[in-house]
Amino acid sequence: MAERRKYKKRYCKYCESKVEFMDYKDAALLKNTLSERFKIMPRRLTGNCKRHQDMATIAIKRARAAAIIPYTISRKEVVINPFEIIGR
């Protein structure tokens, strides 16, 4: 029988900080859920619970529609820290 791999249990960062509501205008709060190319990362990678992952997804989609966060970054554009652009 094959042995099961043991992974480190990931904890929801938003549950630990007791976040009740995610505002789409707060890009610093949402950056834990986005990859370097501004894609939404899945729960298995971030460790978010279902409730906070759904809230983050809705907030990210609203921020994209309001042009606070870009939809994607092309491969040709190399951005070291994309959240520096948001702070300007």
Protein backbone atom coordinates (compact mmCIF):
# COMPACT_ATOMS: atom_id res chain seq x y z
CA MET A 1 0.00 0.00 0.00
CA ALA A 2 1.25 3.45 -0.82
CA GLU A 3 1.87 5.80 2.03
CA ARG A 4 -0.10 9.00 2.16
CA ARG A 5 1.85 12.21 1.98
CA LYS A 6 1.63 14.35 5.04
CA TYR A 7 1.20 18.02 4.30
CA LYS A 8 1.39 20.91 6.68
CA LYS A 9 -2.07 22.10 7.69
CA ARG A 10 -2.73 25.55 6.27
CA TYR A 11 -4.76 28.01 8.28
CA CYS A 12 -6.98 30.80 7.04
CA LYS A 13 -5.19 34.13 7.49
CA TYR A 14 -8.49 35.97 7.49
CA CYS A 15 -9.96 33.80 10.30
CA GLU A 16 -6.88 34.42 12.44
CA SER A 17 -7.22 38.20 12.01
CA LYS A 18 -11.04 37.93 12.47
CA VAL A 19 -12.02 39.60 9.21
CA GLU A 20 -15.81 39.93 8.91
CA PHE A 21 -15.98 41.88 5.64
CA MET A 22 -13.52 42.36 2.78
CA ASP A 23 -13.65 45.73 1.11
CA TYR A 24 -12.79 45.74 -2.58
CA LYS A 25 -10.92 49.04 -2.17
CA ASP A 26 -8.36 47.51 0.21
CA ALA A 27 -5.86 45.96 -2.23
CA ALA A 28 -3.33 45.21 0.52
CA LEU A 29 -5.80 42.82 2.16
CA LEU A 30 -6.49 41.02 -1.11
CA LYS A 31 -2.87 40.53 -2.17
CA ASN A 32 -2.56 37.26 -0.21
CA THR A 33 -5.14 35.68 -2.51
CA LEU A 34 -3.62 36.92 -5.80
CA SER A 35 -0.65 35.49 -7.67
CA GLU A 36 2.13 37.62 -9.17
CA ARG A 37 0.15 37.79 -12.43
CA PHE A 38 -3.03 38.87 -10.57
CA LYS A 39 -4.79 35.52 -10.88
CA ILE A 40 -6.97 34.31 -8.02
CA MET A 41 -5.17 31.53 -6.20
CA PRO A 42 -7.14 28.43 -5.15
CA ARG A 43 -7.97 27.51 -1.57
CA ARG A 44 -5.57 24.59 -1.50
CA LEU A 45 -2.64 26.96 -2.05
CA THR A 46 -3.71 29.88 0.14
CA GLY A 47 -5.27 27.88 2.97
CA ASN A 48 -8.35 30.08 3.11
CA CYS A 49 -11.62 28.70 4.42
CA LYS A 50 -14.58 28.54 2.03
CA ARG A 51 -16.30 31.59 3.52
CA HIS A 52 -13.28 33.88 3.22
CA GLN A 53 -12.28 32.52 -0.20
CA ASP A 54 -15.74 33.40 -1.53
CA MET A 55 -15.55 36.87 0.04
CA ALA A 56 -12.08 37.43 -1.43
CA THR A 57 -13.21 36.27 -4.89
CA ILE A 58 -16.14 38.69 -4.91
CA ALA A 59 -13.96 41.56 -3.64
CA ILE A 60 -11.28 40.87 -6.28
CA LYS A 61 -13.85 40.80 -9.07
CA ARG A 62 -15.32 44.10 -7.87
CA ALA A 63 -11.84 45.66 -7.63
CA ARG A 64 -11.10 44.53 -11.18
CA ALA A 65 -14.32 46.11 -12.44
CA ALA A 66 -13.42 49.35 -10.64
CA ALA A 67 -9.90 49.25 -12.18
CA ILE A 68 -8.15 49.03 -8.80
CA ILE A 69 -6.56 45.67 -9.67
CA PRO A 70 -5.69 44.71 -13.27
CA TYR A 71 -7.24 41.61 -14.80
CA THR A 72 -3.93 40.08 -15.90
CA ILE A 73 -0.37 41.07 -16.66
CA SER A 74 1.20 39.98 -19.93
CA ARG A 75 4.23 37.71 -19.91
CA LYS A 76 6.32 40.33 -21.68
CA GLU A 77 5.82 42.85 -18.86
CA VAL A 78 7.99 41.85 -15.94
CA VAL A 79 6.75 43.38 -12.71
CA ILE A 80 8.74 42.61 -9.58
CA ASN A 81 6.09 43.78 -7.13
CA PRO A 82 2.75 44.54 -8.82
CA PHE A 83 1.29 46.03 -5.63
CA GLU A 84 3.69 48.98 -5.85
CA ILE A 85 1.72 50.09 -8.90
CA ILE A 86 -1.51 50.14 -6.87
CA GLY A 87 -0.06 52.39 -4.18
CA ARG A 88 0.70 55.20 -6.60
